[in-house]
Protein backbone atom coordinates (compact mmCIF):
# COMPACT_ATOMS: atom_id res chain seq x y z
CA MET A 1 100.56 45.91 10.00
CA ASN A 2 100.82 43.59 13.01
CA LYS A 3 104.25 44.85 13.69
CA THR A 4 103.01 48.45 13.65
CA LYS A 5 100.11 47.59 16.02
CA PHE A 6 102.58 45.77 18.34
CA LEU A 7 104.84 48.90 18.35
CA ARG A 8 101.81 51.12 19.20
CA ILE A 9 100.82 48.90 22.07
CA GLY A 10 104.35 48.91 23.37
CA THR A 11 104.54 52.56 23.19
CA ILE A 12 101.27 53.08 25.08
CA SER A 13 102.38 50.64 27.76
CA ALA A 14 105.72 52.51 28.15
CA LEU A 15 103.86 55.88 28.41
CA THR A 16 101.37 54.41 30.91
CA ALA A 17 104.23 53.11 33.02
CA ALA A 18 105.97 56.51 32.92
CA MET A 19 102.72 58.31 33.89
CA LEU A 20 102.14 55.87 36.82
CA CYS A 21 105.78 56.43 38.06
CA SER A 22 105.25 60.19 37.65
CA VAL A 23 101.97 60.15 39.61
CA SER A 24 103.46 58.03 42.41
CA SER A 25 106.23 60.71 42.93
CA VAL A 26 103.83 63.59 43.52
CA PRO A 27 103.21 64.07 47.32
CA VAL A 28 99.74 63.72 48.57
CA THR A 29 98.40 67.04 50.09
CA HIS A 30 95.67 67.51 52.65
CA ALA A 31 94.47 70.23 54.99
CA ASP A 32 95.93 70.16 58.53
CA SER A 33 93.74 70.57 61.61
CA PRO A 34 95.22 72.72 64.41
CA ALA A 35 95.77 71.30 67.91
CA VAL A 36 94.49 74.70 69.23
CA SER A 37 92.70 77.58 67.48
CA TYR A 38 91.32 80.68 69.28
CA SER A 39 90.51 84.06 68.02
CA TYR A 40 90.11 87.36 69.83
CA TRP A 41 89.27 90.74 68.31
CA ALA A 42 91.66 93.65 68.59
CA PRO A 43 90.56 96.79 70.33
CA GLU A 44 89.30 99.64 68.08
CA GLN A 45 92.26 101.75 67.16
CA ILE A 46 92.65 105.01 69.09
CA LYS A 47 91.90 107.96 66.72
CA ALA A 48 93.56 111.16 67.76
CA PRO A 49 95.59 113.83 65.88
CA LEU A 50 99.21 112.93 65.38
CA GLN A 51 101.29 115.34 67.41
CA LYS A 52 104.59 116.56 65.89
CA PRO A 53 107.40 116.75 68.47
CA GLN A 54 108.78 120.25 69.26
CA TRP A 55 112.07 118.59 69.60
CA THR A 56 113.71 115.22 69.97
CA ALA A 57 117.08 114.50 71.64
CA ALA A 58 119.20 111.31 71.56
CA VAL A 59 120.15 109.95 74.94
CA ASP A 60 121.56 106.77 76.37
CA PRO A 61 119.04 103.88 76.16
CA ASN A 62 117.27 103.37 79.41
CA ALA A 63 118.75 106.61 80.87
CA ALA A 64 116.57 108.48 83.39
CA ALA A 65 115.73 112.14 83.04
CA ALA A 66 114.53 115.01 85.17
CA VAL A 67 113.21 118.48 84.59
CA THR A 68 114.30 121.46 86.69
CA ASP A 69 112.42 124.53 87.90
CA ASP A 70 114.22 126.81 85.44
CA GLY A 71 113.42 125.09 82.28
CA THR A 72 116.26 122.58 81.90
CA VAL A 73 116.01 118.85 81.17
CA LEU A 74 118.72 116.55 82.62
CA SER A 75 119.61 113.22 81.21
CA PHE A 76 122.65 111.19 79.95
CA SER A 77 124.59 110.80 76.73
CA GLY A 78 127.81 108.79 76.45
CA LYS A 79 127.55 108.19 80.23
CA LYS A 80 127.84 111.89 80.71
CA LEU A 81 125.22 114.10 82.46
CA ILE A 82 123.75 116.53 79.84
CA ALA A 83 121.46 119.46 80.20
CA LEU A 84 119.03 120.47 77.51
CA ASN A 85 116.93 123.64 77.03
CA LEU A 86 113.30 122.61 77.62
CA ALA A 87 111.97 125.01 74.91
CA ASN A 88 114.19 123.88 71.98
CA GLY A 89 116.20 120.81 73.09
CA LYS A 90 119.59 122.53 72.56
CA LYS A 91 122.40 121.25 74.72
CA ILE A 92 123.54 123.62 77.49
CA TYR A 93 126.35 121.66 79.12
CA THR A 94 127.85 118.26 79.78
CA TYR A 95 129.35 116.99 83.10
CA GLY A 96 131.41 114.03 84.18
CA SER A 97 132.14 110.58 82.66
CA THR A 98 131.21 106.94 83.29
CA LEU A 99 128.15 107.95 85.31
CA LYS A 100 125.18 105.79 86.14
CA PRO A 101 122.23 106.89 84.03
CA THR A 102 120.06 108.25 86.83
CA VAL A 103 119.69 111.78 88.33
CA GLN A 104 117.77 113.48 91.20
CA TYR A 105 116.92 117.12 91.20
CA LEU A 106 116.06 119.33 94.16
CA LYS A 107 116.10 123.06 94.66
CA GLY A 108 118.63 123.99 91.93
CA SER A 109 121.00 121.08 92.37
CA ALA A 110 121.31 117.73 90.55
CA TYR A 111 122.58 114.63 92.34
CA GLY A 112 123.84 111.40 90.82
CA ILE A 113 126.28 108.45 91.15
CA GLY A 114 129.30 107.38 89.22
CA GLU A 115 129.92 103.81 88.05
CA ASP A 116 132.78 103.65 90.61
CA GLY A 117 130.32 104.38 93.46
CA HIS A 118 131.04 108.11 94.08
CA VAL A 119 128.20 110.58 94.67
CA TYR A 120 128.24 114.00 93.06
CA ALA A 121 126.22 117.18 93.12
CA VAL A 122 126.21 119.90 90.39
CA ASN A 123 124.53 123.28 89.89
CA ALA A 124 121.68 122.19 87.69
CA LYS A 125 121.60 125.45 85.70
CA THR A 126 125.28 125.75 84.98
CA GLY A 127 126.71 122.25 85.35
CA LYS A 128 129.34 123.48 87.82
CA GLU A 129 130.44 120.76 90.21
CA LEU A 130 129.43 121.53 93.84
CA TRP A 131 131.09 118.42 95.34
CA HIS A 132 131.90 114.73 94.84
CA THR A 133 132.69 112.02 97.25
CA ALA A 134 135.42 109.36 97.10
CA ALA A 135 134.71 106.21 95.05
CA SER A 136 133.05 103.05 96.42
CA LEU A 137 130.71 104.90 98.68
CA THR A 138 127.50 103.45 97.32
CA ASP A 139 126.17 100.47 95.44
CA VAL A 140 122.78 101.90 94.65
CA ASP A 141 121.62 103.20 91.26
CA SER A 142 120.19 106.46 92.60
CA PRO A 143 120.38 108.74 95.61
CA VAL A 144 117.29 109.82 97.60
CA VAL A 145 117.29 113.51 98.32
CA ILE A 146 114.99 114.80 101.16
CA GLY A 147 115.35 118.35 102.37
CA ASP A 148 119.07 119.01 103.34
CA THR A 149 120.16 115.31 103.14
CA VAL A 150 121.25 112.97 100.42
CA TYR A 151 120.63 109.27 101.29
CA VAL A 152 122.43 106.40 99.64
CA THR A 153 122.91 102.82 100.63
CA LYS A 154 125.92 100.34 100.51
CA LYS A 155 125.08 96.78 101.21
CA ASN A 156 123.01 96.76 104.39
CA ALA A 157 123.92 100.33 105.38
CA VAL A 158 122.07 103.57 104.96
CA ILE A 159 124.49 106.62 104.55
CA ALA A 160 123.41 110.19 105.05
CA LEU A 161 125.32 113.01 103.34
CA GLU A 162 125.01 116.77 103.74
CA ALA A 163 123.20 117.95 100.54
CA ALA A 164 125.25 121.15 100.57
CA THR A 165 128.76 119.73 100.95
CA GLY A 166 128.60 115.90 100.44
CA LYS A 167 130.06 115.42 103.94
CA GLN A 168 129.06 112.17 105.52
CA ARG A 169 126.85 112.59 108.55
CA TRP A 170 126.27 109.04 109.69
CA LYS A 171 125.93 105.38 108.64
CA ALA A 172 123.24 103.12 110.02
CA ILE A 173 123.56 99.29 109.55
CA GLU A 174 120.70 96.77 109.60
CA GLU A 175 122.51 93.49 110.39
CA GLN A 176 119.64 91.26 109.36
CA ALA A 177 119.25 92.89 105.94
CA GLU A 178 120.99 91.99 102.72
CA ASN A 179 120.59 95.42 101.21
CA GLY A 180 120.15 98.98 102.48
CA GLY A 181 116.33 99.04 102.34
CA SER A 182 114.16 101.85 100.91
CA ILE A 183 114.20 105.35 102.48
CA THR A 184 110.51 105.99 102.43
CA MET A 185 109.95 109.27 104.47
CA GLU A 186 111.39 111.75 106.89
CA GLU A 187 109.17 113.23 109.52
CA ASP A 188 109.71 115.15 112.83
CA GLY A 189 113.46 114.47 112.74
CA VAL A 190 113.04 110.74 112.15
CA VAL A 191 114.01 108.83 108.90
CA PHE A 192 111.91 105.76 108.14
CA VAL A 193 113.51 102.91 106.26
CA SER A 194 111.57 99.89 105.04
CA TYR A 195 113.12 96.46 104.60
CA ILE A 196 112.10 93.02 103.36
CA LEU A 197 113.95 90.59 105.58
CA SER A 198 114.38 86.89 105.11
CA GLY A 199 114.07 84.27 107.71
CA ALA A 200 111.94 81.08 107.71
CA LEU A 201 109.52 83.42 105.86
CA SER A 202 110.18 86.84 104.43
CA PHE A 203 108.62 89.72 106.39
CA SER A 204 108.50 93.50 106.25
CA GLN A 205 110.23 95.67 108.87
CA VAL A 206 110.39 99.45 109.48
CA ASN A 207 113.45 101.06 111.10
CA ALA A 208 113.29 104.60 112.63
CA ILE A 209 116.56 106.44 112.49
CA ASP A 210 117.44 109.73 114.22
CA LYS A 211 118.13 112.19 111.44
CA LYS A 212 120.86 114.03 113.29
CA THR A 213 122.88 111.06 114.78
CA GLY A 214 121.97 107.99 112.56
CA LYS A 215 120.99 106.08 115.78
CA ILE A 216 118.47 103.46 115.10
CA LEU A 217 115.64 104.42 117.53
CA TRP A 218 113.50 101.36 117.06
CA LYS A 219 112.50 98.58 114.72
CA ALA A 220 109.04 97.19 114.01
CA ASP A 221 109.06 93.82 112.37
CA HIS A 222 105.97 92.56 110.41
CA HIS A 223 105.15 96.23 109.70
CA GLU A 224 104.85 97.90 106.33
CA THR A 225 105.90 101.27 105.17
CA PRO A 226 104.17 103.87 107.35
CA LEU A 227 100.86 105.19 106.10
CA ALA A 228 101.31 108.53 108.03
CA VAL A 229 102.98 110.24 110.87
CA LYS A 230 100.60 112.47 112.86
CA ASP A 231 100.93 114.04 116.28
CA GLY A 232 103.99 112.04 117.24
CA LEU A 233 102.47 108.75 116.18
CA VAL A 234 103.49 106.47 113.27
CA TYR A 235 100.69 104.61 111.68
CA SER A 236 101.83 101.41 110.03
CA LYS A 237 99.88 98.43 108.69
CA THR A 238 100.73 95.18 110.29
CA GLU A 239 101.38 92.09 108.12
CA PRO A 240 98.70 89.36 108.54
CA THR A 241 100.06 86.10 109.97
CA PRO A 242 100.53 83.48 107.22
CA PHE A 243 98.92 80.74 109.26
CA GLY A 244 96.07 82.64 110.72
CA GLU A 245 92.74 80.97 111.58
CA GLU A 246 90.02 80.97 108.99
CA SER A 247 87.35 83.66 109.65
CA ASP A 248 84.22 85.02 108.03
CA THR A 249 85.69 88.49 108.62
CA LEU A 250 88.66 90.18 106.94
CA LYS A 251 90.50 93.01 108.47
CA VAL A 252 93.35 95.49 108.20
CA THR A 253 95.19 96.49 111.37
CA LEU A 254 97.07 99.78 111.77
CA SER A 255 99.50 100.06 114.70
CA ALA A 256 100.00 103.45 116.26
CA LEU A 257 103.67 103.61 117.28
CA ASN A 258 105.44 106.30 119.25
CA ALA A 259 107.67 108.02 116.74
CA LYS A 260 110.63 108.28 119.10
CA THR A 261 110.38 104.95 120.94
CA GLY A 262 108.43 102.52 118.68
CA LYS A 263 106.15 101.66 121.57
CA VAL A 264 102.69 100.42 120.50
CA MET A 265 100.28 103.11 121.71
CA GLY A 266 97.24 101.51 120.24
CA GLU A 267 95.65 99.81 117.28
CA ARG A 268 93.01 100.50 114.70
CA VAL A 269 91.19 97.67 113.16
CA TYR A 270 89.11 98.04 109.96
CA SER A 271 87.09 94.94 109.18
CA TRP A 272 84.51 93.72 106.74
CA PRO A 273 82.64 90.47 106.14
CA LYS A 274 84.29 88.05 103.71
CA ALA A 275 82.30 88.16 100.48
CA ASP A 276 83.08 84.72 99.22
CA VAL A 277 85.55 82.06 100.44
CA ASN A 278 86.50 81.34 96.82
CA SER A 279 86.81 85.01 95.81
CA THR A 280 89.85 85.76 93.61
CA SER A 281 89.90 89.35 94.87
CA SER A 282 90.43 88.78 98.51
CA GLY A 283 94.19 88.94 98.07
CA TYR A 284 93.77 92.39 96.49
CA SER A 285 91.85 93.82 99.40
CA GLY A 286 93.20 95.93 102.22
CA SER A 287 94.86 98.64 100.10
CA MET A 288 94.67 102.00 101.84
CA LEU A 289 94.99 105.68 100.90
CA LEU A 290 95.09 108.54 103.33
CA ASP A 291 94.14 112.08 101.98
CA GLY A 292 94.07 114.51 104.97
CA ASN A 293 91.60 112.95 107.35
CA ASP A 294 89.88 110.85 104.69
CA LEU A 295 90.99 107.23 104.81
CA TYR A 296 90.07 105.05 101.88
CA LEU A 297 90.04 101.29 101.99
CA VAL A 298 89.64 98.68 99.27
CA THR A 299 87.78 95.60 100.39
CA GLU A 300 86.68 92.51 98.35
CA ASN A 301 83.65 94.22 96.78
CA SER A 302 83.76 97.89 97.85
CA VAL A 303 85.73 101.07 98.42
CA SER A 304 85.06 102.57 101.80
CA LYS A 305 85.86 105.96 103.41
CA TYR A 306 86.48 106.58 107.01
CA ASP A 307 87.21 109.61 109.17
CA PHE A 308 90.94 109.16 110.20
CA SER A 309 90.67 111.87 112.84
CA HIS A 310 87.90 110.01 114.74
CA TYR A 311 88.43 106.34 114.97
CA GLU A 312 85.72 104.16 116.52
CA PRO A 313 86.23 100.30 117.11
CA GLU A 314 83.93 98.47 114.72
CA GLY A 315 82.90 101.78 113.35
CA LYS A 316 81.05 101.89 110.00
CA PRO A 317 82.45 103.76 107.02
CA LEU A 318 81.19 107.19 106.30
CA LYS A 319 80.68 106.29 102.69
CA LYS A 320 80.93 103.25 100.54
CA TRP A 321 81.18 102.70 96.74
CA SER A 322 81.03 99.51 94.61
CA LYS A 323 84.48 98.37 93.67
CA PRO A 324 85.27 99.45 90.09
CA SER A 325 87.23 96.31 89.30
CA SER A 326 88.22 93.18 91.24
CA LEU A 327 92.04 93.13 91.13
CA ILE A 328 92.93 96.66 92.19
CA SER A 329 94.95 98.67 94.67
CA PHE A 330 95.36 102.39 95.29
CA ILE A 331 97.95 104.33 93.39
CA GLY A 332 98.96 108.04 93.51
CA SER A 333 96.83 110.54 95.36
CA VAL A 334 93.29 112.07 95.29
CA HIS A 335 93.11 114.34 92.23
CA ALA A 336 90.25 116.15 90.46
CA GLY A 337 87.64 114.56 92.64
CA ARG A 338 88.86 111.06 91.91
CA VAL A 339 90.80 108.24 93.47
CA TYR A 340 93.02 106.03 91.27
CA PHE A 341 93.80 102.39 91.12
CA MET A 342 96.21 100.04 89.47
CA ASP A 343 94.21 97.33 87.80
CA TYR A 344 96.34 94.13 87.90
CA ALA A 345 94.20 92.38 85.32
CA THR A 346 95.12 94.95 82.62
CA ASN A 347 98.09 96.87 84.05
CA ALA A 348 96.06 100.02 83.39
CA VAL A 349 95.30 102.95 85.73
CA LEU A 350 91.73 103.55 86.28
CA GLY A 351 89.81 106.21 88.37
CA MET A 352 86.66 106.44 90.42
CA LYS A 353 84.64 109.62 90.90
CA LEU A 354 84.16 110.35 94.58
CA ALA A 355 80.89 112.12 93.90
CA ASP A 356 79.08 109.10 92.59
CA GLY A 357 81.45 106.18 92.54
CA GLN A 358 81.48 106.10 88.61
CA LYS A 359 84.35 104.14 87.11
CA VAL A 360 86.60 106.17 84.84
CA ASN A 361 89.15 104.73 82.38
CA TRP A 362 91.10 105.84 79.40
CA ARG A 363 90.82 103.28 76.53
CA THR A 364 93.99 101.99 75.00
CA ASP A 365 94.33 99.87 71.95
CA ASN A 366 97.63 98.05 73.08
CA PRO A 367 98.97 97.32 76.53
CA PRO A 368 99.74 100.35 78.62
CA ILE A 369 103.34 100.52 79.88
CA GLN A 370 103.63 104.00 81.49
CA THR A 371 100.76 106.19 82.86
CA ASP A 372 101.07 109.69 84.35
CA ILE A 373 98.45 112.16 85.32
CA TYR A 374 99.11 115.93 85.44
CA GLY A 375 96.25 118.51 85.67
CA ASN A 376 93.59 117.60 83.23
CA GLY A 377 95.88 115.33 81.22
CA VAL A 378 96.26 111.60 81.32
CA TYR A 379 99.35 110.32 79.37
CA VAL A 380 99.83 106.67 78.42
CA GLY A 381 102.75 105.05 76.69
CA GLN A 382 101.79 101.83 74.89
CA SER A 383 103.88 98.69 74.12
CA ASP A 384 103.37 99.39 70.37
CA GLY A 385 105.42 102.57 70.53
CA LEU A 386 102.40 104.90 70.39
CA PHE A 387 101.97 107.51 73.18
CA HIS A 388 98.51 108.98 73.80
CA GLY A 389 97.34 112.02 75.70
CA TYR A 390 93.76 112.00 77.06
CA ASN A 391 91.40 114.53 78.56
CA LEU A 392 91.05 113.45 82.23
CA GLN A 393 87.45 114.72 82.53
CA THR A 394 85.92 113.53 79.19
CA THR A 395 88.35 110.57 78.79
CA ALA A 396 88.62 111.48 75.03
CA PRO A 397 92.05 110.99 73.31
CA ALA A 398 93.63 114.43 72.56
CA PHE A 399 96.75 113.55 70.64
CA THR A 400 99.16 110.67 69.62
CA VAL A 401 102.95 110.57 69.34
CA ASN A 402 104.87 107.83 67.59
CA THR A 403 107.79 107.16 69.87
CA GLY A 404 109.18 103.95 68.42
CA SER A 405 109.71 102.57 71.99
CA ARG A 406 108.26 99.66 73.94
CA ASN A 407 109.38 100.94 77.40
CA TYR A 408 109.19 104.40 78.90
CA GLY A 409 110.37 106.34 81.92
CA PRO A 410 107.94 108.53 83.88
CA THR A 411 106.55 111.28 81.76
CA LEU A 412 107.82 114.70 82.75
CA ARG A 413 105.87 118.00 82.60
CA SER A 414 106.88 121.60 83.11
CA SER A 415 104.41 124.36 82.46
CA ASN A 416 103.04 123.70 79.06
CA MET A 417 105.67 121.23 77.85
CA LEU A 418 105.68 117.42 78.13
CA VAL A 419 108.79 115.30 77.88
CA ILE A 420 108.35 111.70 76.91
CA GLN A 421 111.09 109.24 77.98
CA ALA A 422 111.28 106.67 75.22
CA LYS A 423 113.80 104.43 76.88
CA ASP A 424 114.12 101.63 74.31
CA ALA A 425 114.59 104.15 71.57
CA GLY A 426 117.03 106.26 73.54
CA LYS A 427 115.18 109.41 72.93
CA LEU A 428 113.61 112.31 74.77
CA ILE A 429 110.54 113.67 72.93
CA ALA A 430 109.16 117.03 73.84
CA VAL A 431 105.58 118.01 72.77
CA PRO A 432 103.43 120.94 73.84
CA VAL A 433 100.53 120.34 76.16
CA PRO A 434 97.17 121.13 74.64
CA LYS A 435 95.36 123.86 76.56
CA ALA A 436 92.40 121.64 77.35
CA LEU A 437 94.82 119.20 79.19
CA GLN A 438 96.67 121.78 81.28
């Protein structure tokens, strides 16, 4: 009996020891506290009918596209230029090989560049080559076609070619530049090229080049891309000095330069009182838009309109509206009784009605990547791969297309057909434009 009791006690002790060992090997769990925790609500999902594409075509990822006047879409596949029928997406022709994926169209001809630097022109309707230059002419990605001239750059030189033959007319070199600059406009026989030059500090410069000879007529340092050329005068905004004196007044100065000589013929100063020394929007003031004789100016807290044809020193604006958002600058042109801005806080395009100053925007539910406005349609490609079409007047979403892309090229439109450039996905997507958006 005692022996049995002893055995039982021993057995219980062994089991207890085993249980203790087992318990000690189980990890201790507890709830962790985050170092940072922050919640934000997602925007309400855009609800619009899903639009089925009329056709979809595979193209090289990140290739550019253009639409012609006769219903042809130009793009690239396998580094070859391809032409597609706008109505059904069927291939019409292919041209070339090892081409850079960018094309410019003007008056029946398509212009592009090969990877070896040659420039070419083809009949956009048939694909027949019109001309091509020797290799290594250019190091830019895309030609600029204005009127009867094709402009390309090579290092710090601007080169002008005859659009009809490809024959080189002239080469203009800017010794201080590291690249060829941007060909911005051609007016009254003068080509204007804008540069960002580097010295102790970087600064803007405008060069005026004679279109016929390529002679540099004049240079205007610390001047930005011309706002307008009127009656032989070039109006260009002067850059503010980086170490200017503090003032209670902010201003924008337009120089009036003789288009042929660059001589300063006068200045126009548009000023406004500084709203707040600590204002975050002061760096986003000074943006200008000229529409005919209506000059619009963004200040710290307003949008003002002046009569460009009748300048008065210290003159008051004809009209003033409250600024629709703080970090904005003008984009595009006046359209449908509205002016438009890029909102740098959201990367969205927003509008303002000129009749009453009412802010207009087209709500998205993901970051907008590409925005284009045609007629009564606003077209926005989002980073989540969804593409929305909106009614410009009512701001209501009209349709949605699932593109599967995060990045887009400019949306193209011809008549009642829209072509979406889904760059990441390597697709062109054609959809009909609803009648209400035309």
